[in-house]
């Protein structure tokens, strides 16, 4: 009888499939940055300072992985107050009307031959328009911090055409393609 009870306990342990871990994005250790070419010369760089979201990650089952990000449009910061006011206006983000930029993944697939690089498809909503995009994501690692939290990190890179989102101001001076880097560190939900 003891053998059967032991066998039942072991079977129950192995029958329970591991679940993906859910993380809240830690904005103080993450960054949402962009760069766009200016008059065919250098790049103008910027970032968004107010954002959040969540990550679900399972290193063994890509189908469980997801990422969702919400960014406040008015938090744009290019290091120049006059330019930032213009970027918040109607020519660009129109932050009074379109308050939030969002990205929500629809698929998360490991790249062939890679242990930590993924092709993430999802929907980007910006300036009142939605478009499916593909993001290159790299899983950076995971581990515990000294305060009892468990963390994971992803670095995501992608390019969008601002004209796809209705931002067509000064096409001869500001490149259509905008390069975006989202470095995300998440804290596992308790």
N, C-alpha and C. Protein backbone atom coordinates (compact mmCIF):
# COMPACT_ATOMS: atom_id res chain seq x y z
N UNK A 1 0.81 -1.19 0.00
CA UNK A 1 0.00 0.00 0.00
C UNK A 1 0.87 1.27 0.00
N UNK A 2 1.96 1.23 0.82
CA UNK A 2 2.86 2.38 0.86
C UNK A 2 3.48 2.62 -0.50
N UNK A 3 3.82 1.53 -1.21
CA UNK A 3 4.39 1.64 -2.55
C UNK A 3 3.42 2.32 -3.51
N UNK A 4 2.15 1.95 -3.45
CA UNK A 4 1.14 2.56 -4.32
C UNK A 4 0.95 4.03 -4.01
N UNK A 5 0.96 4.39 -2.74
CA UNK A 5 0.82 5.79 -2.34
C UNK A 5 2.02 6.58 -2.85
N UNK A 6 3.22 6.06 -2.67
CA UNK A 6 4.43 6.71 -3.15
C UNK A 6 4.40 6.86 -4.66
N UNK A 7 3.98 5.83 -5.36
CA UNK A 7 3.88 5.86 -6.82
C UNK A 7 2.88 6.94 -7.27
N UNK A 8 1.75 7.05 -6.57
CA UNK A 8 0.73 8.05 -6.91
C UNK A 8 1.27 9.47 -6.72
N UNK A 9 2.01 9.70 -5.65
CA UNK A 9 2.59 11.02 -5.39
C UNK A 9 3.60 11.39 -6.48
N UNK A 10 4.48 10.44 -6.82
CA UNK A 10 5.48 10.68 -7.88
C UNK A 10 4.79 10.96 -9.20
N UNK A 11 3.76 10.20 -9.52
CA UNK A 11 3.02 10.39 -10.77
C UNK A 11 2.38 11.77 -10.82
N UNK A 12 1.84 12.23 -9.69
CA UNK A 12 1.22 13.55 -9.65
C UNK A 12 2.26 14.65 -9.86
N UNK A 13 3.43 14.48 -9.30
CA UNK A 13 4.49 15.48 -9.46
C UNK A 13 4.89 15.61 -10.92
N UNK A 14 5.08 14.49 -11.60
CA UNK A 14 5.49 14.53 -13.00
C UNK A 14 4.35 14.87 -13.94
N UNK A 15 3.12 14.70 -13.51
CA UNK A 15 1.97 15.00 -14.37
C UNK A 15 1.73 16.49 -14.47
N UNK A 16 2.17 17.25 -13.47
CA UNK A 16 1.95 18.69 -13.48
C UNK A 16 3.03 19.33 -14.36
N UNK A 17 2.58 19.92 -15.46
CA UNK A 17 3.52 20.56 -16.38
C UNK A 17 3.98 21.89 -15.79
N UNK A 18 5.25 22.23 -15.97
CA UNK A 18 5.71 23.51 -15.47
C UNK A 18 4.98 24.65 -16.19
N UNK A 19 4.68 25.69 -15.46
CA UNK A 19 3.98 26.82 -16.06
C UNK A 19 4.97 27.94 -16.34
N UNK A 20 4.57 28.81 -17.25
CA UNK A 20 5.39 29.97 -17.56
C UNK A 20 5.36 30.94 -16.39
N UNK A 21 6.41 31.72 -16.26
CA UNK A 21 6.48 32.73 -15.22
C UNK A 21 5.97 34.06 -15.77
N UNK A 22 5.21 34.77 -14.94
CA UNK A 22 4.69 36.09 -15.30
C UNK A 22 5.51 37.16 -14.60
N UNK A 23 5.87 38.21 -15.34
CA UNK A 23 6.70 39.28 -14.83
C UNK A 23 6.04 40.63 -15.11
N UNK A 24 6.22 41.56 -14.18
CA UNK A 24 5.86 42.96 -14.42
C UNK A 24 7.11 43.69 -14.87
N UNK A 25 6.97 44.53 -15.89
CA UNK A 25 8.12 45.30 -16.36
C UNK A 25 8.54 46.30 -15.30
N UNK A 26 9.82 46.30 -14.98
CA UNK A 26 10.42 47.24 -14.04
C UNK A 26 10.98 48.40 -14.86
N UNK A 27 10.19 49.47 -14.97
CA UNK A 27 10.57 50.60 -15.83
C UNK A 27 11.87 51.26 -15.38
N UNK A 28 12.19 51.19 -14.08
CA UNK A 28 13.41 51.83 -13.60
C UNK A 28 14.67 51.09 -14.04
N UNK A 29 14.51 49.86 -14.54
CA UNK A 29 15.64 49.09 -15.07
C UNK A 29 15.39 48.66 -16.51
N UNK A 30 14.57 49.41 -17.21
CA UNK A 30 14.24 49.14 -18.61
C UNK A 30 14.36 50.43 -19.40
N UNK A 31 14.34 50.33 -20.72
CA UNK A 31 14.42 51.52 -21.57
C UNK A 31 13.65 51.31 -22.86
N UNK A 32 12.97 52.37 -23.30
CA UNK A 32 12.28 52.40 -24.59
C UNK A 32 12.92 53.53 -25.39
N UNK A 33 13.82 53.18 -26.29
CA UNK A 33 14.60 54.18 -27.01
C UNK A 33 14.39 54.08 -28.52
N UNK A 34 14.64 55.19 -29.21
CA UNK A 34 14.51 55.20 -30.67
C UNK A 34 15.58 56.10 -31.28
N UNK A 35 15.81 55.91 -32.57
CA UNK A 35 16.65 56.82 -33.33
C UNK A 35 16.10 56.93 -34.74
N UNK A 36 16.24 58.12 -35.31
CA UNK A 36 15.76 58.38 -36.66
C UNK A 36 16.76 59.30 -37.36
N UNK A 37 17.02 59.02 -38.61
CA UNK A 37 18.01 59.82 -39.35
C UNK A 37 17.44 61.20 -39.67
N UNK A 38 18.29 62.20 -39.56
CA UNK A 38 17.90 63.60 -39.74
C UNK A 38 18.66 64.20 -40.91
N UNK A 39 17.93 64.62 -41.96
CA UNK A 39 18.48 65.22 -43.18
C UNK A 39 19.60 64.38 -43.80
N UNK A 40 19.45 63.07 -43.74
CA UNK A 40 20.41 62.17 -44.38
C UNK A 40 21.78 62.19 -43.73
N UNK A 41 21.89 62.84 -42.60
CA UNK A 41 23.19 62.95 -41.93
C UNK A 41 23.20 62.05 -40.70
N UNK A 42 23.17 62.66 -39.53
CA UNK A 42 23.24 61.90 -38.28
C UNK A 42 21.88 61.40 -37.82
N UNK A 43 21.89 60.79 -36.64
CA UNK A 43 20.67 60.30 -36.01
C UNK A 43 20.25 61.22 -34.87
N UNK A 44 18.97 61.41 -34.75
CA UNK A 44 18.39 62.03 -33.57
C UNK A 44 17.88 60.90 -32.69
N UNK A 45 18.26 60.93 -31.42
CA UNK A 45 17.91 59.87 -30.48
C UNK A 45 16.86 60.37 -29.49
N UNK A 46 16.09 59.44 -28.98
CA UNK A 46 15.10 59.79 -27.97
C UNK A 46 14.67 58.56 -27.20
N UNK A 47 13.78 58.81 -26.26
CA UNK A 47 13.28 57.73 -25.42
C UNK A 47 11.90 58.10 -24.90
N UNK A 48 11.23 57.13 -24.33
CA UNK A 48 9.98 57.37 -23.60
C UNK A 48 10.26 57.06 -22.14
N UNK A 49 9.80 57.94 -21.25
CA UNK A 49 10.13 57.80 -19.85
C UNK A 49 9.04 57.16 -19.00
N UNK A 50 7.82 57.07 -19.52
CA UNK A 50 6.71 56.54 -18.74
C UNK A 50 6.10 55.34 -19.48
N UNK A 51 6.34 54.15 -18.98
CA UNK A 51 5.85 52.94 -19.62
C UNK A 51 5.74 51.81 -18.61
N UNK A 52 5.06 50.78 -19.00
CA UNK A 52 4.91 49.60 -18.16
C UNK A 52 4.44 48.44 -19.01
N UNK A 53 4.11 47.36 -18.36
CA UNK A 53 3.63 46.20 -19.09
C UNK A 53 3.99 44.91 -18.39
N UNK A 54 3.92 43.83 -19.16
CA UNK A 54 4.17 42.52 -18.57
C UNK A 54 4.82 41.59 -19.59
N UNK A 55 5.49 40.58 -19.06
CA UNK A 55 6.15 39.55 -19.85
C UNK A 55 5.76 38.20 -19.25
N UNK A 56 5.45 37.25 -20.10
CA UNK A 56 5.30 35.86 -19.68
C UNK A 56 6.38 35.09 -20.40
N UNK A 57 7.18 34.32 -19.64
CA UNK A 57 8.30 33.64 -20.27
C UNK A 57 8.46 32.22 -19.74
N UNK A 58 8.63 31.31 -20.68
CA UNK A 58 8.90 29.90 -20.38
C UNK A 58 10.01 29.46 -21.33
N UNK A 59 11.19 29.19 -20.81
CA UNK A 59 12.35 28.84 -21.64
C UNK A 59 12.15 27.54 -22.41
N UNK A 60 11.20 26.69 -21.97
CA UNK A 60 11.02 25.39 -22.62
C UNK A 60 9.84 25.35 -23.58
N UNK A 61 8.92 26.28 -23.47
CA UNK A 61 7.71 26.24 -24.30
C UNK A 61 7.41 27.63 -24.85
N UNK A 62 7.88 27.90 -26.08
CA UNK A 62 7.71 29.22 -26.70
C UNK A 62 6.25 29.63 -26.82
N UNK A 63 5.34 28.67 -26.93
CA UNK A 63 3.93 29.00 -27.12
C UNK A 63 3.34 29.70 -25.91
N UNK A 64 3.99 29.62 -24.76
CA UNK A 64 3.50 30.29 -23.55
C UNK A 64 4.03 31.71 -23.41
N UNK A 65 5.01 32.09 -24.23
CA UNK A 65 5.66 33.38 -24.09
C UNK A 65 4.83 34.51 -24.68
N UNK A 66 4.88 35.67 -24.02
CA UNK A 66 4.20 36.85 -24.53
C UNK A 66 4.81 38.09 -23.91
N UNK A 67 4.52 39.23 -24.55
CA UNK A 67 4.95 40.52 -24.02
C UNK A 67 3.89 41.55 -24.36
N UNK A 68 3.64 42.43 -23.42
CA UNK A 68 2.67 43.50 -23.60
C UNK A 68 3.28 44.77 -23.01
N UNK A 69 3.29 45.86 -23.79
CA UNK A 69 3.91 47.11 -23.35
C UNK A 69 2.94 48.26 -23.59
N UNK A 70 2.85 49.16 -22.62
CA UNK A 70 2.05 50.39 -22.72
C UNK A 70 2.97 51.57 -22.47
N UNK A 71 2.97 52.54 -23.40
CA UNK A 71 3.87 53.69 -23.31
C UNK A 71 3.03 54.97 -23.36
N UNK A 72 3.28 55.90 -22.46
CA UNK A 72 2.60 57.20 -22.48
C UNK A 72 3.28 58.09 -23.53
N UNK A 73 2.52 58.51 -24.53
CA UNK A 73 3.07 59.30 -25.63
C UNK A 73 3.69 60.61 -25.15
N UNK A 74 3.07 61.24 -24.17
CA UNK A 74 3.58 62.54 -23.70
C UNK A 74 4.92 62.43 -22.99
N UNK A 75 5.37 61.21 -22.69
CA UNK A 75 6.64 61.04 -21.98
C UNK A 75 7.84 61.02 -22.92
N UNK A 76 7.62 61.33 -24.20
CA UNK A 76 8.73 61.34 -25.15
C UNK A 76 9.79 62.35 -24.71
N UNK A 77 11.05 61.97 -24.87
CA UNK A 77 12.17 62.79 -24.39
C UNK A 77 13.33 62.64 -25.36
N UNK A 78 13.58 63.70 -26.12
CA UNK A 78 14.70 63.68 -27.07
C UNK A 78 15.85 64.55 -26.60
N UNK A 79 15.74 65.04 -25.37
CA UNK A 79 16.81 65.88 -24.83
C UNK A 79 16.71 67.33 -25.25
N UNK A 80 15.60 67.74 -25.87
CA UNK A 80 15.42 69.11 -26.31
C UNK A 80 13.95 69.47 -26.09
N UNK A 81 13.68 70.37 -25.13
CA UNK A 81 12.31 70.67 -24.73
C UNK A 81 11.45 71.19 -25.89
N UNK A 82 12.00 72.06 -26.73
CA UNK A 82 11.24 72.61 -27.86
C UNK A 82 10.87 71.51 -28.85
N UNK A 83 11.83 70.64 -29.16
CA UNK A 83 11.56 69.52 -30.07
C UNK A 83 10.55 68.56 -29.45
N UNK A 84 10.68 68.31 -28.15
CA UNK A 84 9.74 67.39 -27.49
C UNK A 84 8.32 67.92 -27.54
N UNK A 85 8.13 69.23 -27.37
CA UNK A 85 6.78 69.82 -27.50
C UNK A 85 6.24 69.60 -28.90
N UNK A 86 7.10 69.74 -29.91
CA UNK A 86 6.69 69.51 -31.30
C UNK A 86 6.33 68.04 -31.51
N UNK A 87 7.12 67.14 -30.97
CA UNK A 87 6.86 65.71 -31.11
C UNK A 87 5.55 65.30 -30.43
N UNK A 88 5.16 66.00 -29.36
CA UNK A 88 3.90 65.70 -28.68
C UNK A 88 2.70 66.27 -29.43
N UNK A 89 2.95 67.15 -30.39
CA UNK A 89 1.88 67.84 -31.12
C UNK A 89 1.33 67.06 -32.30
N UNK A 90 0.47 67.75 -33.07
CA UNK A 90 -0.27 67.12 -34.17
C UNK A 90 0.61 66.59 -35.30
N UNK A 91 1.79 67.17 -35.51
CA UNK A 91 2.66 66.71 -36.61
C UNK A 91 3.24 65.31 -36.35
N UNK A 92 3.27 64.92 -35.08
CA UNK A 92 3.86 63.63 -34.74
C UNK A 92 2.91 62.79 -33.89
N UNK A 93 3.12 62.71 -32.59
CA UNK A 93 2.37 61.77 -31.75
C UNK A 93 0.97 62.24 -31.35
N UNK A 94 0.70 63.54 -31.43
CA UNK A 94 -0.60 64.10 -31.05
C UNK A 94 -1.03 63.50 -29.72
N UNK A 95 -0.17 63.70 -28.72
CA UNK A 95 -0.32 63.03 -27.43
C UNK A 95 -1.59 63.38 -26.68
N UNK A 96 -2.19 64.53 -26.96
CA UNK A 96 -3.46 64.87 -26.29
C UNK A 96 -4.58 63.95 -26.76
N UNK A 97 -4.54 63.54 -28.01
CA UNK A 97 -5.58 62.68 -28.56
C UNK A 97 -5.22 61.20 -28.45
N UNK A 98 -3.99 60.86 -28.81
CA UNK A 98 -3.51 59.47 -28.79
C UNK A 98 -2.54 59.30 -27.63
N UNK A 99 -3.08 59.06 -26.46
CA UNK A 99 -2.30 59.12 -25.22
C UNK A 99 -1.31 57.97 -25.04
N UNK A 100 -1.63 56.82 -25.64
CA UNK A 100 -0.83 55.62 -25.35
C UNK A 100 -0.38 54.91 -26.63
N UNK A 101 0.85 54.43 -26.61
CA UNK A 101 1.36 53.51 -27.64
C UNK A 101 1.34 52.13 -26.99
N UNK A 102 0.91 51.13 -27.73
CA UNK A 102 0.87 49.79 -27.14
C UNK A 102 1.47 48.77 -28.11
N UNK A 103 2.03 47.74 -27.53
CA UNK A 103 2.47 46.57 -28.29
C UNK A 103 2.00 45.34 -27.55
N UNK A 104 1.37 44.42 -28.29
CA UNK A 104 0.94 43.15 -27.69
C UNK A 104 1.34 42.04 -28.65
N UNK A 105 2.13 41.09 -28.15
CA UNK A 105 2.60 40.00 -29.01
C UNK A 105 1.46 39.05 -29.35
N UNK A 106 1.58 38.45 -30.55
CA UNK A 106 0.63 37.43 -30.99
C UNK A 106 1.32 36.08 -31.16
N UNK A 107 2.64 36.09 -31.34
CA UNK A 107 3.41 34.85 -31.39
C UNK A 107 4.85 35.13 -30.96
N UNK A 108 5.50 34.08 -30.45
CA UNK A 108 6.84 34.19 -29.86
C UNK A 108 7.57 32.93 -30.28
N UNK A 109 8.43 33.02 -31.29
CA UNK A 109 9.03 31.81 -31.85
C UNK A 109 10.56 31.90 -31.80
N UNK A 110 11.18 30.85 -31.26
CA UNK A 110 12.64 30.79 -31.19
C UNK A 110 13.22 30.71 -32.61
N UNK A 111 14.28 31.47 -32.86
CA UNK A 111 14.93 31.43 -34.16
C UNK A 111 15.68 30.12 -34.32
N UNK A 112 15.67 29.59 -35.52
CA UNK A 112 16.31 28.31 -35.80
C UNK A 112 17.78 28.35 -35.38
N UNK A 113 18.20 27.34 -34.63
CA UNK A 113 19.59 27.21 -34.21
C UNK A 113 20.00 28.10 -33.05
N UNK A 114 19.06 28.86 -32.49
CA UNK A 114 19.41 29.76 -31.39
C UNK A 114 18.80 29.29 -30.07
N UNK A 115 19.54 29.52 -28.99
CA UNK A 115 19.03 29.18 -27.67
C UNK A 115 18.27 30.33 -27.04
N UNK A 116 18.59 31.58 -27.45
CA UNK A 116 18.02 32.73 -26.75
C UNK A 116 17.51 33.86 -27.64
N UNK A 117 17.38 33.62 -28.95
CA UNK A 117 16.88 34.66 -29.84
C UNK A 117 15.53 34.24 -30.40
N UNK A 118 14.62 35.21 -30.48
CA UNK A 118 13.24 34.93 -30.85
C UNK A 118 12.75 35.90 -31.91
N UNK A 119 11.80 35.43 -32.70
CA UNK A 119 11.05 36.29 -33.61
C UNK A 119 9.68 36.47 -32.97
N UNK A 120 9.38 37.70 -32.61
CA UNK A 120 8.12 38.00 -31.93
C UNK A 120 7.24 38.80 -32.88
N UNK A 121 6.08 38.29 -33.15
CA UNK A 121 5.10 39.03 -33.96
C UNK A 121 4.08 39.62 -33.01
N UNK A 122 3.57 40.79 -33.38
CA UNK A 122 2.57 41.42 -32.53
C UNK A 122 1.99 42.64 -33.19
N UNK A 123 1.07 43.28 -32.49
CA UNK A 123 0.38 44.45 -33.01
C UNK A 123 0.85 45.69 -32.26
N UNK A 124 1.36 46.66 -33.03
CA UNK A 124 1.76 47.95 -32.49
C UNK A 124 0.65 48.94 -32.79
N UNK A 125 0.18 49.62 -31.76
CA UNK A 125 -0.83 50.67 -31.93
C UNK A 125 -0.19 51.99 -31.56
N UNK A 126 -0.22 52.92 -32.52
CA UNK A 126 0.41 54.22 -32.32
C UNK A 126 -0.33 55.24 -33.18
N UNK A 127 -0.54 56.41 -32.62
CA UNK A 127 -1.17 57.51 -33.36
C UNK A 127 -2.51 57.08 -33.96
N UNK A 128 -3.23 56.23 -33.22
CA UNK A 128 -4.56 55.79 -33.64
C UNK A 128 -4.59 54.72 -34.70
N UNK A 129 -3.43 54.20 -35.09
CA UNK A 129 -3.37 53.18 -36.13
C UNK A 129 -2.71 51.91 -35.57
N UNK A 130 -3.14 50.76 -36.12
CA UNK A 130 -2.58 49.48 -35.71
C UNK A 130 -1.87 48.83 -36.88
N UNK A 131 -0.77 48.17 -36.57
CA UNK A 131 -0.03 47.45 -37.61
C UNK A 131 0.68 46.26 -36.98
N UNK A 132 0.63 45.13 -37.70
CA UNK A 132 1.39 43.96 -37.23
C UNK A 132 2.85 44.16 -37.59
N UNK A 133 3.71 43.94 -36.62
CA UNK A 133 5.14 44.10 -36.83
C UNK A 133 5.87 42.85 -36.34
N UNK A 134 7.14 42.74 -36.73
CA UNK A 134 8.00 41.65 -36.25
C UNK A 134 9.14 42.26 -35.46
N UNK A 135 9.37 41.72 -34.28
CA UNK A 135 10.39 42.21 -33.35
C UNK A 135 11.44 41.12 -33.17
N UNK A 136 12.71 41.50 -33.22
CA UNK A 136 13.79 40.58 -32.87
C UNK A 136 14.05 40.72 -31.38
N UNK A 137 13.90 39.62 -30.65
CA UNK A 137 14.07 39.66 -29.20
C UNK A 137 15.16 38.68 -28.79
N UNK A 138 15.95 39.11 -27.82
CA UNK A 138 17.00 38.26 -27.27
C UNK A 138 16.77 38.13 -25.77
N UNK A 139 16.67 36.89 -25.30
CA UNK A 139 16.55 36.65 -23.86
C UNK A 139 17.94 36.81 -23.26
N UNK A 140 18.08 37.75 -22.32
CA UNK A 140 19.40 38.08 -21.77
C UNK A 140 19.79 37.23 -20.56
N UNK A 141 18.79 36.81 -19.80
CA UNK A 141 19.09 36.02 -18.62
C UNK A 141 18.05 36.20 -17.55
N UNK A 142 18.30 35.53 -16.42
CA UNK A 142 17.37 35.60 -15.30
C UNK A 142 18.12 35.31 -14.02
N UNK A 143 17.55 35.76 -12.91
CA UNK A 143 18.18 35.49 -11.63
C UNK A 143 17.54 36.27 -10.50
N UNK A 144 17.98 35.96 -9.29
CA UNK A 144 17.45 36.59 -8.08
C UNK A 144 18.23 37.85 -7.75
N UNK A 145 17.51 38.83 -7.17
CA UNK A 145 18.19 40.02 -6.67
C UNK A 145 18.30 39.92 -5.14
N UNK A 146 19.01 40.83 -4.49
CA UNK A 146 19.21 40.73 -3.03
C UNK A 146 17.95 40.97 -2.20
N UNK A 147 16.85 41.42 -2.82
CA UNK A 147 15.63 41.76 -2.09
C UNK A 147 14.55 40.68 -2.23
N UNK A 148 14.93 39.52 -2.75
CA UNK A 148 14.00 38.40 -2.83
C UNK A 148 13.15 38.37 -4.09
N UNK A 149 13.49 39.21 -5.05
CA UNK A 149 12.76 39.20 -6.33
C UNK A 149 13.48 38.33 -7.35
N UNK A 150 12.73 37.81 -8.28
CA UNK A 150 13.32 37.05 -9.39
C UNK A 150 13.07 37.84 -10.66
N UNK A 151 14.12 38.01 -11.48
CA UNK A 151 14.07 38.90 -12.64
C UNK A 151 14.45 38.17 -13.91
N UNK A 152 13.93 38.68 -15.04
CA UNK A 152 14.38 38.22 -16.35
C UNK A 152 14.52 39.43 -17.26
N UNK A 153 15.32 39.29 -18.31
CA UNK A 153 15.55 40.42 -19.20
C UNK A 153 15.50 40.04 -20.67
N UNK A 154 14.92 40.94 -21.46
CA UNK A 154 14.85 40.80 -22.92
C UNK A 154 15.33 42.07 -23.57
N UNK A 155 16.03 41.95 -24.68
CA UNK A 155 16.39 43.10 -25.49
C UNK A 155 15.71 42.94 -26.85
N UNK A 156 14.90 43.93 -27.21
CA UNK A 156 14.09 43.85 -28.43
C UNK A 156 14.47 44.97 -29.38
N UNK A 157 14.58 44.64 -30.67
CA UNK A 157 14.92 45.62 -31.70
C UNK A 157 13.99 45.45 -32.89
N UNK A 158 13.55 46.57 -33.43
CA UNK A 158 12.71 46.54 -34.63
C UNK A 158 12.70 47.91 -35.29
N UNK A 159 12.20 47.93 -36.50
CA UNK A 159 12.11 49.17 -37.28
C UNK A 159 10.67 49.33 -37.75
N UNK A 160 10.17 50.57 -37.67
CA UNK A 160 8.84 50.86 -38.20
C UNK A 160 8.94 52.05 -39.15
N UNK A 161 7.98 52.14 -40.04
CA UNK A 161 7.86 53.33 -40.89
C UNK A 161 6.83 54.24 -40.24
N UNK A 162 7.25 55.45 -39.93
CA UNK A 162 6.33 56.37 -39.26
C UNK A 162 5.14 56.71 -40.14
N UNK A 163 5.34 56.68 -41.46
CA UNK A 163 4.23 56.97 -42.38
C UNK A 163 3.12 55.93 -42.27
N UNK A 164 3.46 54.68 -41.87
CA UNK A 164 2.44 53.65 -41.68
C UNK A 164 1.49 54.01 -40.54
N UNK A 165 1.92 54.93 -39.68
CA UNK A 165 1.11 55.34 -38.54
C UNK A 165 0.61 56.78 -38.69
N UNK A 166 0.63 57.28 -39.92
CA UNK A 166 0.09 58.61 -40.20
C UNK A 166 0.99 59.77 -39.84
N UNK A 167 2.26 59.51 -39.57
CA UNK A 167 3.20 60.59 -39.24
C UNK A 167 4.05 60.88 -40.47
N UNK A 168 3.62 61.90 -41.22
CA UNK A 168 4.26 62.19 -42.50
C UNK A 168 4.93 63.55 -42.55
N UNK A 169 5.09 64.18 -41.43
CA UNK A 169 5.68 65.51 -41.37
C UNK A 169 7.13 65.49 -41.84
N UNK A 170 7.50 66.43 -42.70
CA UNK A 170 8.85 66.66 -43.19
C UNK A 170 9.53 65.40 -43.73
N UNK A 171 8.94 64.77 -44.76
CA UNK A 171 9.51 63.53 -45.28
C UNK A 171 10.89 63.69 -45.91
N UNK A 172 11.24 64.90 -46.34
CA UNK A 172 12.56 65.11 -46.93
C UNK A 172 13.64 65.40 -45.90
N UNK A 173 13.24 65.62 -44.65
CA UNK A 173 14.23 65.92 -43.62
C UNK A 173 14.35 64.85 -42.56
N UNK A 174 13.25 64.16 -42.30
CA UNK A 174 13.24 63.13 -41.27
C UNK A 174 12.95 61.79 -41.93
N UNK A 175 13.81 60.82 -41.73
CA UNK A 175 13.65 59.52 -42.38
C UNK A 175 12.32 58.88 -41.99
N UNK A 176 11.78 58.08 -42.89
CA UNK A 176 10.54 57.37 -42.62
C UNK A 176 10.78 56.23 -41.63
N UNK A 177 11.93 55.58 -41.73
CA UNK A 177 12.23 54.45 -40.84
C UNK A 177 12.74 54.93 -39.49
N UNK A 178 12.12 54.38 -38.45
CA UNK A 178 12.52 54.69 -37.07
C UNK A 178 12.99 53.39 -36.44
N UNK A 179 14.18 53.40 -35.88
CA UNK A 179 14.78 52.21 -35.26
C UNK A 179 14.48 52.25 -33.75
N UNK A 180 13.93 51.18 -33.25
CA UNK A 180 13.49 51.15 -31.86
C UNK A 180 14.18 50.02 -31.10
N UNK A 181 14.63 50.33 -29.89
CA UNK A 181 15.19 49.35 -28.98
C UNK A 181 14.40 49.38 -27.69
N UNK A 182 13.90 48.23 -27.28
CA UNK A 182 13.19 48.11 -26.01
C UNK A 182 13.95 47.09 -25.16
N UNK A 183 14.68 47.59 -24.18
CA UNK A 183 15.37 46.72 -23.23
C UNK A 183 14.48 46.59 -22.00
N UNK A 184 14.00 45.38 -21.77
CA UNK A 184 12.98 45.14 -20.76
C UNK A 184 13.51 44.22 -19.67
N UNK A 185 13.38 44.67 -18.43
CA UNK A 185 13.68 43.81 -17.28
C UNK A 185 12.38 43.64 -16.49
N UNK A 186 12.03 42.40 -16.23
CA UNK A 186 10.80 42.13 -15.52
C UNK A 186 11.04 41.52 -14.15
N UNK A 187 10.12 41.80 -13.23
CA UNK A 187 10.15 41.22 -11.89
C UNK A 187 9.01 40.21 -11.80
N UNK A 188 9.36 38.97 -11.45
CA UNK A 188 8.35 37.91 -11.38
C UNK A 188 7.27 38.26 -10.37
N UNK A 189 6.02 38.04 -10.80
CA UNK A 189 4.87 38.28 -9.91
C UNK A 189 4.88 37.25 -8.80
N UNK A 190 4.53 37.68 -7.62
CA UNK A 190 4.54 36.79 -6.45
C UNK A 190 3.17 36.22 -6.21
